[in-house]
């Protein structure tokens, strides 16, 4: 009886073992983020996003970045923990944020705009770092080169090499009466200095002079723009975080005085500048987000990833701004557009 009982017990146990083994070998469901969202892997990826100031281009960059992560299966408050910090243009706060992220040991740190990227790169050494909305990462000493960044840093530059020269050529070709261009600039921002120098060289080829009006903070933008009235034939601004933060005052002066106003970003044109050669910052942020996916999902090393830059560049003109600034949009101007949808309307106040 004892032997029979043991045999019966063994026979009853075998199906249970087989059933359990069958359950354990069930194929895992498709997971776009790899192990990031696997129920058996409870890891929550922690990223820090540092931004120098609130304005449309930088905000759109951040939104595009997060959208790329979401599309790859990284969802905030699920398998992703996002720590977003904005310095509100304050240098001390900018440094504090970078130091905080260094101490927090994030899985990835994202720095939006040059001053923020510089602070992060100087402080975060043991964590992958991505930058976005940076004009000249080499001159800003963020990377050794665009092709071989080195260290723990790479990212997306926000200036197509041809953007500024093409805009200056457009001004020269379509505005023959423009002999001087005034630029409001914070010379303390490396990205601004780089773009101003590029614009100055491009304009010089057409015998057009560039006149600078320097500012240290956004509250000085209005006075700087007013100082250019009567001295220049057109306004221009770069991807200058300080100036863009106060750009509404330049738009108003340009409209009141009938001065064509050119910018280096699409968002400012949508607000009321006349024209630019540009792209959507959402797309730029998405591009940086795709780089983040490669790092988090596939284990890519920043030092091995080339710095990217926008691959979409087209002439963008604001019809409302043209009317407000006394500019006729000619067929010649329209012919320079690849996409006619870039003839837009916007609030020109």
Protein backbone atom coordinates (compact mmCIF):
# COMPACT_ATOMS: atom_id res chain seq x y z
CA UNK A 1 0.00 0.00 0.00
CA UNK A 2 2.77 2.44 0.82
CA UNK A 3 4.45 1.83 -2.56
CA UNK A 4 1.16 2.30 -4.42
CA UNK A 5 0.46 5.52 -2.56
CA UNK A 6 3.86 6.94 -3.47
CA UNK A 7 3.36 5.98 -7.12
CA UNK A 8 -0.05 7.61 -7.21
CA UNK A 9 1.38 10.76 -5.66
CA UNK A 10 4.16 10.87 -8.25
CA UNK A 11 1.72 10.45 -11.13
CA UNK A 12 -0.43 13.31 -9.84
CA UNK A 13 2.59 15.59 -9.48
CA UNK A 14 3.93 15.19 -13.03
CA UNK A 15 1.04 17.05 -14.80
CA UNK A 16 1.42 19.96 -12.37
CA UNK A 17 5.13 20.25 -13.15
CA UNK A 18 4.46 20.11 -16.87
CA UNK A 19 1.71 22.72 -16.60
CA UNK A 20 3.98 25.07 -14.67
CA UNK A 21 6.77 24.57 -17.20
CA UNK A 22 4.34 25.32 -20.03
CA UNK A 23 3.29 28.58 -18.39
CA UNK A 24 6.89 29.61 -17.88
CA UNK A 25 7.77 29.07 -21.53
CA UNK A 26 4.96 31.27 -22.92
CA UNK A 27 6.44 33.78 -25.42
CA UNK A 28 6.66 37.32 -24.08
CA UNK A 29 4.41 39.92 -25.70
CA UNK A 30 5.96 42.45 -28.05
CA UNK A 31 7.68 45.18 -26.07
CA UNK A 32 8.77 48.29 -28.02
CA UNK A 33 11.04 49.42 -25.21
CA UNK A 34 12.78 46.10 -24.76
CA UNK A 35 13.30 45.13 -21.12
CA UNK A 36 12.29 48.65 -20.05
CA UNK A 37 8.62 47.63 -19.78
CA UNK A 38 8.91 43.87 -19.25
CA UNK A 39 6.74 42.94 -16.22
CA UNK A 40 9.60 40.74 -14.99
CA UNK A 41 11.95 43.72 -15.12
CA UNK A 42 10.64 46.40 -12.78
CA UNK A 43 13.27 48.96 -13.72
CA UNK A 44 12.00 52.51 -13.99
CA UNK A 45 14.31 54.68 -16.09
CA UNK A 46 15.12 57.98 -14.45
CA UNK A 47 15.97 60.94 -16.67
CA UNK A 48 16.60 64.55 -15.80
CA UNK A 49 15.65 67.33 -18.21
CA UNK A 50 17.30 70.69 -17.59
CA UNK A 51 16.12 73.76 -19.52
CA UNK A 52 17.50 77.29 -19.31
CA UNK A 53 14.25 79.24 -19.75
CA UNK A 54 10.65 78.95 -20.91
CA UNK A 55 10.03 79.87 -24.53
CA UNK A 56 8.27 78.18 -27.46
CA UNK A 57 11.30 76.71 -29.25
CA UNK A 58 12.78 75.12 -26.14
CA UNK A 59 9.39 73.90 -24.94
CA UNK A 60 8.71 72.32 -28.34
CA UNK A 61 12.13 70.65 -28.19
CA UNK A 62 11.24 69.08 -24.85
CA UNK A 63 7.82 67.96 -26.10
CA UNK A 64 9.33 66.34 -29.20
CA UNK A 65 11.97 64.60 -27.09
CA UNK A 66 9.38 63.05 -24.77
CA UNK A 67 7.21 62.06 -27.75
CA UNK A 68 10.08 60.05 -29.23
CA UNK A 69 10.54 58.23 -25.94
CA UNK A 70 6.81 57.51 -25.69
CA UNK A 71 6.71 56.16 -29.23
CA UNK A 72 9.50 53.75 -28.24
CA UNK A 73 7.61 52.51 -25.19
CA UNK A 74 9.07 54.74 -22.49
CA UNK A 75 6.07 56.29 -20.74
CA UNK A 76 6.29 58.83 -17.92
CA UNK A 77 4.97 57.54 -14.58
CA UNK A 78 5.01 53.97 -15.90
CA UNK A 79 8.52 52.83 -16.80
CA UNK A 80 9.93 56.34 -16.97
CA UNK A 81 10.48 58.93 -14.27
CA UNK A 82 11.05 62.44 -15.65
CA UNK A 83 12.59 65.13 -13.46
CA UNK A 84 12.09 68.42 -15.34
CA UNK A 85 13.88 71.49 -14.00
CA UNK A 86 13.81 75.00 -15.49
CA UNK A 87 16.38 77.61 -14.48
CA UNK A 88 14.13 80.51 -15.60
CA UNK A 89 17.17 82.24 -17.05
CA UNK A 90 19.04 82.32 -13.74
CA UNK A 91 22.72 81.28 -13.93
CA UNK A 92 22.90 80.19 -10.28
CA UNK A 93 19.78 78.04 -10.64
CA UNK A 94 21.19 76.60 -13.86
CA UNK A 95 24.30 75.42 -12.00
CA UNK A 96 22.30 74.07 -9.05
CA UNK A 97 20.13 71.96 -11.38
CA UNK A 98 23.23 70.46 -13.01
CA UNK A 99 24.74 69.63 -9.62
CA UNK A 100 21.46 68.08 -8.46
CA UNK A 101 21.30 65.80 -11.50
CA UNK A 102 24.93 64.78 -10.96
CA UNK A 103 24.15 63.76 -7.37
CA UNK A 104 20.91 61.97 -8.31
CA UNK A 105 22.66 59.43 -10.54
CA UNK A 106 20.08 59.51 -13.35
CA UNK A 107 20.04 57.00 -16.19
CA UNK A 108 20.20 59.92 -18.63
CA UNK A 109 20.43 63.71 -18.39
CA UNK A 110 19.08 65.96 -21.15
CA UNK A 111 20.21 69.59 -21.39
CA UNK A 112 18.16 71.99 -23.49
CA UNK A 113 20.04 75.13 -24.69
CA UNK A 114 23.75 75.97 -24.59
CA UNK A 115 24.11 77.48 -21.08
CA UNK A 116 22.31 74.51 -19.57
CA UNK A 117 24.36 72.03 -21.58
CA UNK A 118 27.60 73.67 -20.45
CA UNK A 119 26.61 73.45 -16.78
CA UNK A 120 25.49 69.83 -17.13
CA UNK A 121 28.60 68.72 -19.02
CA UNK A 122 30.85 70.33 -16.41
CA UNK A 123 29.10 68.53 -13.55
CA UNK A 124 27.62 65.25 -14.80
CA UNK A 125 30.47 62.85 -15.51
CA UNK A 126 29.18 59.34 -14.82
CA UNK A 127 25.83 59.49 -16.63
CA UNK A 128 25.01 59.67 -20.37
CA UNK A 129 24.29 63.29 -21.35
CA UNK A 130 22.32 64.47 -24.38
CA UNK A 131 22.01 68.12 -25.41
CA UNK A 132 19.47 69.79 -27.69
CA UNK A 133 18.85 73.34 -28.93
CA UNK A 134 22.60 73.96 -28.98
CA UNK A 135 23.99 75.91 -31.92
CA UNK A 136 27.72 75.16 -31.86
CA UNK A 137 28.56 72.28 -29.50
CA UNK A 138 32.25 72.29 -30.41
CA UNK A 139 32.84 76.00 -29.66
CA UNK A 140 30.75 75.61 -26.51
CA UNK A 141 33.22 72.86 -25.50
CA UNK A 142 30.52 70.25 -25.11
CA UNK A 143 32.11 67.74 -27.48
CA UNK A 144 35.52 67.21 -29.02
CA UNK A 145 34.04 67.03 -32.53
CA UNK A 146 30.68 66.47 -34.22
CA UNK A 147 31.68 63.06 -35.59
CA UNK A 148 33.50 61.83 -32.47
CA UNK A 149 32.00 63.55 -29.43
CA UNK A 150 34.06 61.66 -26.84
CA UNK A 151 33.38 61.30 -23.09
CA UNK A 152 29.75 60.79 -22.01
CA UNK A 153 28.16 63.51 -24.15
CA UNK A 154 26.43 63.84 -27.52
CA UNK A 155 23.23 65.39 -28.81
CA UNK A 156 21.39 67.36 -31.45
CA UNK A 157 22.60 70.74 -32.70
CA UNK A 158 19.82 73.11 -33.75
CA UNK A 159 21.53 74.92 -36.61
CA UNK A 160 21.71 73.58 -40.11
CA UNK A 161 25.06 74.75 -41.55
CA UNK A 162 23.28 76.54 -44.39
CA UNK A 163 20.51 78.23 -42.36
CA UNK A 164 22.12 81.59 -41.53
CA UNK A 165 23.93 82.09 -44.88
CA UNK A 166 20.76 81.30 -46.82
CA UNK A 167 18.72 83.76 -44.76
CA UNK A 168 21.30 86.50 -45.33
CA UNK A 169 21.35 85.72 -49.07
CA UNK A 170 17.54 85.96 -49.06
CA UNK A 171 17.67 89.41 -47.43
CA UNK A 172 20.23 90.60 -49.97
CA UNK A 173 18.28 89.27 -52.96
CA UNK A 174 14.75 90.24 -51.98
CA UNK A 175 15.36 93.48 -50.04
CA UNK A 176 17.74 95.56 -52.18
CA UNK A 177 17.12 98.67 -50.05
CA UNK A 178 18.52 96.95 -46.95
CA UNK A 179 22.08 98.16 -46.44
CA UNK A 180 22.31 97.67 -42.68
CA UNK A 181 20.90 94.89 -40.47
CA UNK A 182 20.55 95.40 -36.72
CA UNK A 183 20.90 92.44 -34.38
CA UNK A 184 19.86 92.38 -30.72
CA UNK A 185 22.21 89.93 -29.02
CA UNK A 186 23.41 88.61 -25.70
CA UNK A 187 27.10 88.22 -26.46
CA UNK A 188 27.47 86.10 -23.33
CA UNK A 189 25.72 83.21 -25.10
CA UNK A 190 28.23 81.27 -27.25
CA UNK A 191 25.50 80.15 -29.65
CA UNK A 192 24.55 83.78 -30.31
CA UNK A 193 28.13 84.89 -30.87
CA UNK A 194 28.68 82.08 -33.35
CA UNK A 195 25.55 82.90 -35.36
CA UNK A 196 26.18 86.65 -35.35
CA UNK A 197 29.69 86.08 -36.73
CA UNK A 198 28.27 83.78 -39.40
CA UNK A 199 25.62 86.36 -40.35
CA UNK A 200 28.17 89.17 -40.45
CA UNK A 201 30.40 87.26 -42.87
CA UNK A 202 27.45 86.30 -45.08
CA UNK A 203 26.15 89.87 -45.22
CA UNK A 204 29.61 91.28 -45.97
CA UNK A 205 29.61 89.36 -49.24
CA UNK A 206 26.66 91.55 -50.27
CA UNK A 207 28.16 94.77 -48.88
CA UNK A 208 25.56 94.84 -46.10
CA UNK A 209 26.66 95.99 -42.65
CA UNK A 210 25.67 94.30 -39.38
CA UNK A 211 25.05 96.56 -36.36
CA UNK A 212 24.91 95.03 -32.87
CA UNK A 213 22.83 96.09 -29.88
CA UNK A 214 23.96 94.11 -26.83
CA UNK A 215 21.77 92.98 -23.92
CA UNK A 216 22.49 91.11 -20.70
CA UNK A 217 18.92 90.05 -19.88
CA UNK A 218 15.49 89.96 -21.50
CA UNK A 219 14.35 93.19 -19.80
CA UNK A 220 16.89 95.08 -21.95
CA UNK A 221 15.62 93.77 -25.29
CA UNK A 222 13.11 96.59 -25.89
CA UNK A 223 15.63 99.35 -25.25
CA UNK A 224 18.23 97.64 -27.45
CA UNK A 225 15.78 97.32 -30.35
CA UNK A 226 14.73 100.95 -29.97
CA UNK A 227 18.39 102.00 -30.11
CA UNK A 228 18.63 100.49 -33.60
CA UNK A 229 15.67 102.42 -35.02
CA UNK A 230 16.89 104.99 -37.55
CA UNK A 231 20.29 103.28 -37.79
CA UNK A 232 19.32 100.06 -39.58
CA UNK A 233 17.05 98.93 -42.40
CA UNK A 234 16.10 95.54 -40.94
CA UNK A 235 16.15 93.60 -37.65
CA UNK A 236 17.60 90.13 -37.10
CA UNK A 237 17.92 87.85 -34.08
CA UNK A 238 19.75 84.56 -33.61
CA UNK A 239 18.82 81.52 -31.52
CA UNK A 240 19.48 83.70 -28.50
CA UNK A 241 17.62 82.50 -25.40
CA UNK A 242 17.78 85.90 -23.72
CA UNK A 243 16.50 87.82 -26.74
CA UNK A 244 13.82 85.29 -27.75
CA UNK A 245 12.40 85.57 -24.22
CA UNK A 246 11.65 89.24 -24.91
CA UNK A 247 10.96 89.04 -28.63
CA UNK A 248 7.42 90.45 -28.43
CA UNK A 249 8.91 93.91 -27.89
CA UNK A 250 10.97 93.63 -31.08
CA UNK A 251 7.90 92.52 -33.03
CA UNK A 252 5.96 95.54 -31.82
CA UNK A 253 8.74 97.98 -32.74
CA UNK A 254 9.20 96.33 -36.14
CA UNK A 255 5.47 96.63 -36.86
CA UNK A 256 5.15 100.20 -35.57
CA UNK A 257 8.20 101.40 -37.53
CA UNK A 258 7.68 99.21 -40.62
CA UNK A 259 11.04 97.48 -40.24
CA UNK A 260 11.41 93.95 -41.71
CA UNK A 261 12.27 91.58 -38.88
CA UNK A 262 14.08 88.29 -39.56
CA UNK A 263 14.70 85.54 -37.04
CA UNK A 264 16.59 82.26 -36.86
CA UNK A 265 13.73 80.07 -35.68
CA UNK A 266 10.31 79.12 -36.96
CA UNK A 267 8.58 79.73 -33.62
CA UNK A 268 9.52 83.41 -33.66
CA UNK A 269 8.21 83.70 -37.22
CA UNK A 270 4.95 82.14 -36.08
CA UNK A 271 4.81 84.79 -33.34
CA UNK A 272 5.29 87.68 -35.73
CA UNK A 273 8.78 87.87 -37.25
CA UNK A 274 8.80 88.10 -41.04
CA UNK A 275 10.90 85.17 -42.26
CA UNK A 276 13.55 82.56 -41.57
CA UNK A 277 15.15 79.45 -43.00
CA UNK A 278 14.19 76.95 -40.38
CA UNK A 279 12.46 73.84 -39.11
CA UNK A 280 10.10 72.75 -36.36
CA UNK A 281 11.73 72.48 -32.95
CA UNK A 282 9.37 69.62 -32.13
CA UNK A 283 11.09 67.64 -34.91
CA UNK A 284 14.47 68.67 -33.53
CA UNK A 285 13.52 67.41 -30.06
CA UNK A 286 12.15 64.19 -31.54
CA UNK A 287 15.52 63.63 -33.20
CA UNK A 288 17.26 64.00 -29.83
CA UNK A 289 14.67 61.66 -28.31
CA UNK A 290 15.53 58.97 -30.83
CA UNK A 291 19.14 59.23 -29.70
CA UNK A 292 17.97 58.77 -26.10
CA UNK A 293 16.13 55.59 -27.11
CA UNK A 294 19.34 54.21 -28.60
CA UNK A 295 21.11 54.83 -25.30
CA UNK A 296 18.40 53.53 -22.95
CA UNK A 297 17.12 50.63 -25.05
CA UNK A 298 20.13 49.48 -27.04
CA UNK A 299 22.98 50.49 -24.78
CA UNK A 300 24.55 52.92 -27.26
CA UNK A 301 27.44 55.00 -25.91
CA UNK A 302 27.21 58.81 -26.34
CA UNK A 303 30.89 59.05 -27.26
CA UNK A 304 30.24 56.83 -30.28
CA UNK A 305 27.15 58.73 -31.52
CA UNK A 306 27.62 61.55 -34.02
CA UNK A 307 26.05 64.90 -33.18
CA UNK A 308 22.95 65.32 -35.33
CA UNK A 309 21.42 68.47 -36.81
CA UNK A 310 18.09 69.25 -38.53
CA UNK A 311 17.71 67.60 -41.89
CA UNK A 312 14.69 69.70 -42.87
CA UNK A 313 15.37 73.31 -43.88
CA UNK A 314 13.02 75.60 -45.77
CA UNK A 315 12.08 79.26 -46.16
CA UNK A 316 9.21 80.25 -43.86
CA UNK A 317 7.31 83.55 -44.28
CA UNK A 318 4.60 85.03 -42.08
CA UNK A 319 1.93 86.78 -44.18
CA UNK A 320 0.50 88.78 -41.27
CA UNK A 321 3.94 89.97 -40.25
CA UNK A 322 4.66 91.04 -43.83
CA UNK A 323 1.54 93.23 -43.86
CA UNK A 324 2.34 94.70 -40.46
CA UNK A 325 5.91 95.50 -41.45
CA UNK A 326 5.03 96.96 -44.84
CA UNK A 327 6.52 94.13 -46.89
CA UNK A 328 5.05 92.77 -50.13
CA UNK A 329 5.46 89.01 -50.50
CA UNK A 330 6.57 88.62 -54.11
CA UNK A 331 6.43 85.64 -56.45
CA UNK A 332 10.22 85.57 -56.26
CA UNK A 333 10.04 85.04 -52.50
CA UNK A 334 7.44 82.30 -52.85
CA UNK A 335 9.54 80.54 -55.48
CA UNK A 336 12.28 80.02 -52.88
CA UNK A 337 9.94 77.86 -50.76
CA UNK A 338 10.07 74.10 -51.15
CA UNK A 339 6.80 73.69 -49.24
CA UNK A 340 4.07 76.26 -49.87
CA UNK A 341 2.59 75.44 -46.46
CA UNK A 342 5.47 77.45 -45.02
CA UNK A 343 3.66 80.61 -46.09
CA UNK A 344 1.97 80.98 -42.73
CA UNK A 345 -0.16 83.35 -40.72
CA UNK A 346 0.68 84.42 -37.19
CA UNK A 347 0.00 86.97 -34.49
CA UNK A 348 1.74 90.16 -35.57
CA UNK A 349 0.83 92.54 -32.79
